[in-house]
Amino acid sequence: MAAFSAVELYALLKLRVDVFVVEQACVYPELDGKDEDARHLRLLIDGETAAYARLWQPENGAPRIGRVLVSPKHRGR
């Protein structure tokens, strides 16, 4: 499993904040402490994140899929 570079991590977190906090006005914390134990899936187009999802499994529960997004630039494709 490859780690994100600092630049990739910043771009990904910025996209998540832009979509979930700004665009969708979600009231929950975007940085929720679950990212370190999660699998992160990205669809890259020309080196840019076009889509993203986070997969994780709580200690007591079924696996979860969350933080699913498509970049505004790549929607409708």
N, C-alpha and C. Protein backbone atom coordinates (compact mmCIF):
# COMPACT_ATOMS: atom_id res chain seq x y z
N MET A 1 0.85 -1.18 0.00
CA MET A 1 0.00 0.00 0.00
C MET A 1 0.90 1.24 0.00
N ALA A 2 0.69 2.11 -0.92
CA ALA A 2 1.49 3.33 -1.05
C ALA A 2 0.92 4.44 -0.16
N ALA A 3 1.81 5.23 0.39
CA ALA A 3 1.40 6.37 1.20
C ALA A 3 1.23 7.60 0.31
N PHE A 4 0.37 8.49 0.74
CA PHE A 4 0.21 9.76 0.03
C PHE A 4 1.41 10.64 0.32
N SER A 5 1.85 11.38 -0.67
CA SER A 5 2.84 12.42 -0.40
C SER A 5 2.13 13.57 0.30
N ALA A 6 2.89 14.50 0.84
CA ALA A 6 2.30 15.66 1.50
C ALA A 6 1.43 16.45 0.52
N VAL A 7 1.89 16.59 -0.70
CA VAL A 7 1.13 17.33 -1.73
C VAL A 7 -0.16 16.60 -2.07
N GLU A 8 -0.10 15.27 -2.22
CA GLU A 8 -1.30 14.48 -2.53
C GLU A 8 -2.30 14.53 -1.38
N LEU A 9 -1.79 14.41 -0.15
CA LEU A 9 -2.67 14.45 1.01
C LEU A 9 -3.36 15.80 1.12
N TYR A 10 -2.63 16.87 0.94
CA TYR A 10 -3.22 18.21 1.00
C TYR A 10 -4.32 18.36 -0.06
N ALA A 11 -4.03 17.94 -1.29
CA ALA A 11 -5.01 18.06 -2.38
C ALA A 11 -6.26 17.24 -2.08
N LEU A 12 -6.08 16.04 -1.54
CA LEU A 12 -7.21 15.19 -1.23
C LEU A 12 -8.06 15.79 -0.11
N LEU A 13 -7.42 16.24 0.97
CA LEU A 13 -8.17 16.84 2.07
C LEU A 13 -8.85 18.13 1.64
N LYS A 14 -8.20 18.91 0.80
CA LYS A 14 -8.82 20.14 0.29
C LYS A 14 -10.06 19.80 -0.53
N LEU A 15 -9.97 18.78 -1.38
CA LEU A 15 -11.14 18.37 -2.17
C LEU A 15 -12.26 17.89 -1.27
N ARG A 16 -11.94 17.11 -0.25
CA ARG A 16 -12.98 16.66 0.68
C ARG A 16 -13.64 17.83 1.38
N VAL A 17 -12.86 18.77 1.85
CA VAL A 17 -13.43 19.95 2.52
C VAL A 17 -14.27 20.76 1.54
N ASP A 18 -13.76 20.97 0.33
CA ASP A 18 -14.51 21.74 -0.68
C ASP A 18 -15.87 21.11 -0.97
N VAL A 19 -15.90 19.78 -1.09
CA VAL A 19 -17.15 19.10 -1.43
C VAL A 19 -18.06 18.97 -0.21
N PHE A 20 -17.54 18.41 0.88
CA PHE A 20 -18.42 18.09 2.01
C PHE A 20 -18.72 19.28 2.91
N VAL A 21 -17.74 20.10 3.22
CA VAL A 21 -17.94 21.20 4.15
C VAL A 21 -18.51 22.42 3.44
N VAL A 22 -17.89 22.82 2.34
CA VAL A 22 -18.31 24.04 1.65
C VAL A 22 -19.55 23.79 0.78
N GLU A 23 -19.44 22.87 -0.18
CA GLU A 23 -20.53 22.64 -1.13
C GLU A 23 -21.78 22.05 -0.47
N GLN A 24 -21.58 21.02 0.35
CA GLN A 24 -22.74 20.33 0.94
C GLN A 24 -23.10 20.83 2.33
N ALA A 25 -22.32 21.75 2.87
CA ALA A 25 -22.58 22.35 4.18
C ALA A 25 -22.83 21.30 5.26
N CYS A 26 -22.03 20.24 5.27
CA CYS A 26 -22.16 19.20 6.29
C CYS A 26 -21.69 19.74 7.63
N VAL A 27 -22.39 19.33 8.67
CA VAL A 27 -22.08 19.86 10.00
C VAL A 27 -21.19 18.95 10.83
N TYR A 28 -20.80 17.80 10.30
CA TYR A 28 -19.92 16.91 11.04
C TYR A 28 -18.47 17.26 10.74
N PRO A 29 -17.55 16.88 11.63
CA PRO A 29 -16.14 17.19 11.40
C PRO A 29 -15.57 16.38 10.23
N GLU A 30 -14.90 17.03 9.33
CA GLU A 30 -14.31 16.33 8.20
C GLU A 30 -13.12 15.49 8.64
N LEU A 31 -12.32 16.00 9.52
CA LEU A 31 -11.20 15.23 10.06
C LEU A 31 -11.69 14.56 11.34
N ASP A 32 -12.05 13.29 11.21
CA ASP A 32 -12.76 12.58 12.28
C ASP A 32 -11.95 11.49 12.97
N GLY A 33 -10.66 11.40 12.65
CA GLY A 33 -9.81 10.41 13.30
C GLY A 33 -9.88 9.02 12.70
N LYS A 34 -10.60 8.84 11.61
CA LYS A 34 -10.75 7.51 11.01
C LYS A 34 -9.86 7.30 9.79
N ASP A 35 -9.23 8.34 9.31
CA ASP A 35 -8.43 8.24 8.09
C ASP A 35 -7.20 7.35 8.24
N GLU A 36 -6.58 7.37 9.39
CA GLU A 36 -5.34 6.60 9.57
C GLU A 36 -5.55 5.10 9.44
N ASP A 37 -6.72 4.60 9.82
CA ASP A 37 -7.01 3.17 9.76
C ASP A 37 -7.81 2.77 8.53
N ALA A 38 -8.04 3.69 7.62
CA ALA A 38 -8.88 3.44 6.46
C ALA A 38 -8.06 3.12 5.22
N ARG A 39 -8.73 2.52 4.26
CA ARG A 39 -8.19 2.38 2.91
C ARG A 39 -8.76 3.54 2.11
N HIS A 40 -7.94 4.14 1.30
CA HIS A 40 -8.37 5.29 0.51
C HIS A 40 -8.27 4.93 -0.97
N LEU A 41 -9.38 5.05 -1.67
CA LEU A 41 -9.41 4.74 -3.09
C LEU A 41 -9.55 6.03 -3.88
N ARG A 42 -8.69 6.21 -4.87
CA ARG A 42 -8.77 7.40 -5.71
C ARG A 42 -8.80 6.99 -7.17
N LEU A 43 -9.58 7.71 -7.93
CA LEU A 43 -9.52 7.62 -9.38
C LEU A 43 -8.77 8.85 -9.86
N LEU A 44 -7.64 8.64 -10.47
CA LEU A 44 -6.83 9.75 -10.97
C LEU A 44 -7.03 9.89 -12.47
N ILE A 45 -7.24 11.11 -12.91
CA ILE A 45 -7.30 11.45 -14.33
C ILE A 45 -6.30 12.56 -14.55
N ASP A 46 -5.33 12.28 -15.39
CA ASP A 46 -4.24 13.23 -15.65
C ASP A 46 -3.58 13.70 -14.35
N GLY A 47 -3.39 12.77 -13.41
CA GLY A 47 -2.72 13.09 -12.17
C GLY A 47 -3.56 13.82 -11.14
N GLU A 48 -4.81 14.02 -11.43
CA GLU A 48 -5.71 14.77 -10.55
C GLU A 48 -6.79 13.83 -10.01
N THR A 49 -7.17 13.99 -8.74
CA THR A 49 -8.21 13.14 -8.17
C THR A 49 -9.55 13.49 -8.79
N ALA A 50 -10.15 12.52 -9.49
CA ALA A 50 -11.46 12.70 -10.10
C ALA A 50 -12.55 12.14 -9.19
N ALA A 51 -12.22 11.08 -8.45
CA ALA A 51 -13.18 10.47 -7.54
C ALA A 51 -12.42 9.87 -6.37
N TYR A 52 -13.13 9.70 -5.25
CA TYR A 52 -12.49 9.24 -4.03
C TYR A 52 -13.52 8.54 -3.15
N ALA A 53 -13.05 7.55 -2.40
CA ALA A 53 -13.87 6.91 -1.37
C ALA A 53 -12.96 6.42 -0.26
N ARG A 54 -13.50 6.38 0.93
CA ARG A 54 -12.77 5.88 2.10
C ARG A 54 -13.47 4.63 2.59
N LEU A 55 -12.69 3.58 2.84
CA LEU A 55 -13.22 2.32 3.35
C LEU A 55 -12.57 2.02 4.69
N TRP A 56 -13.35 1.66 5.68
CA TRP A 56 -12.79 1.34 6.98
C TRP A 56 -13.72 0.39 7.73
N GLN A 57 -13.19 -0.27 8.73
CA GLN A 57 -13.97 -1.18 9.54
C GLN A 57 -13.85 -0.82 11.01
N PRO A 58 -14.96 -0.41 11.61
CA PRO A 58 -14.94 -0.13 13.04
C PRO A 58 -14.58 -1.40 13.82
N GLU A 59 -14.10 -1.24 15.03
CA GLU A 59 -13.73 -2.40 15.85
C GLU A 59 -14.93 -3.33 16.06
N ASN A 60 -16.08 -2.77 16.27
CA ASN A 60 -17.29 -3.57 16.48
C ASN A 60 -18.33 -3.21 15.44
N GLY A 61 -18.23 -3.81 14.28
CA GLY A 61 -19.24 -3.50 13.27
C GLY A 61 -18.81 -3.91 11.88
N ALA A 62 -19.72 -3.72 10.98
CA ALA A 62 -19.49 -4.08 9.58
C ALA A 62 -18.61 -3.04 8.89
N PRO A 63 -17.93 -3.44 7.84
CA PRO A 63 -17.12 -2.48 7.08
C PRO A 63 -17.99 -1.31 6.61
N ARG A 64 -17.37 -0.16 6.46
CA ARG A 64 -18.08 1.06 6.05
C ARG A 64 -17.44 1.65 4.80
N ILE A 65 -18.27 2.23 3.98
CA ILE A 65 -17.82 3.01 2.83
C ILE A 65 -18.28 4.43 3.09
N GLY A 66 -17.36 5.37 2.99
CA GLY A 66 -17.75 6.74 3.26
C GLY A 66 -16.88 7.74 2.53
N ARG A 67 -17.23 8.99 2.69
CA ARG A 67 -16.51 10.09 2.07
C ARG A 67 -16.41 9.87 0.56
N VAL A 68 -17.48 9.37 -0.03
CA VAL A 68 -17.50 9.12 -1.48
C VAL A 68 -17.77 10.44 -2.18
N LEU A 69 -16.91 10.77 -3.14
CA LEU A 69 -17.11 12.01 -3.88
C LEU A 69 -16.61 11.90 -5.31
N VAL A 70 -17.15 12.74 -6.14
CA VAL A 70 -16.64 12.97 -7.49
C VAL A 70 -16.31 14.45 -7.56
N SER A 71 -15.12 14.75 -8.01
CA SER A 71 -14.69 16.15 -8.13
C SER A 71 -15.67 16.91 -9.04
N PRO A 72 -16.03 18.14 -8.66
CA PRO A 72 -16.95 18.92 -9.51
C PRO A 72 -16.49 19.00 -10.97
N LYS A 73 -15.21 19.04 -11.18
CA LYS A 73 -14.65 19.13 -12.53
C LYS A 73 -14.94 17.87 -13.35
N HIS A 74 -15.14 16.74 -12.68
CA HIS A 74 -15.29 15.45 -13.38
C HIS A 74 -16.71 14.89 -13.30
N ARG A 75 -17.63 15.62 -12.76
CA ARG A 75 -19.01 15.13 -12.69
C ARG A 75 -19.65 15.11 -14.07
N GLY A 76 -20.55 14.14 -14.24
CA GLY A 76 -21.28 14.05 -15.50
C GLY A 76 -20.54 13.32 -16.60
N ARG A 77 -19.40 12.75 -16.29
CA ARG A 77 -18.62 12.04 -17.30
C ARG A 77 -19.05 10.60 -17.37
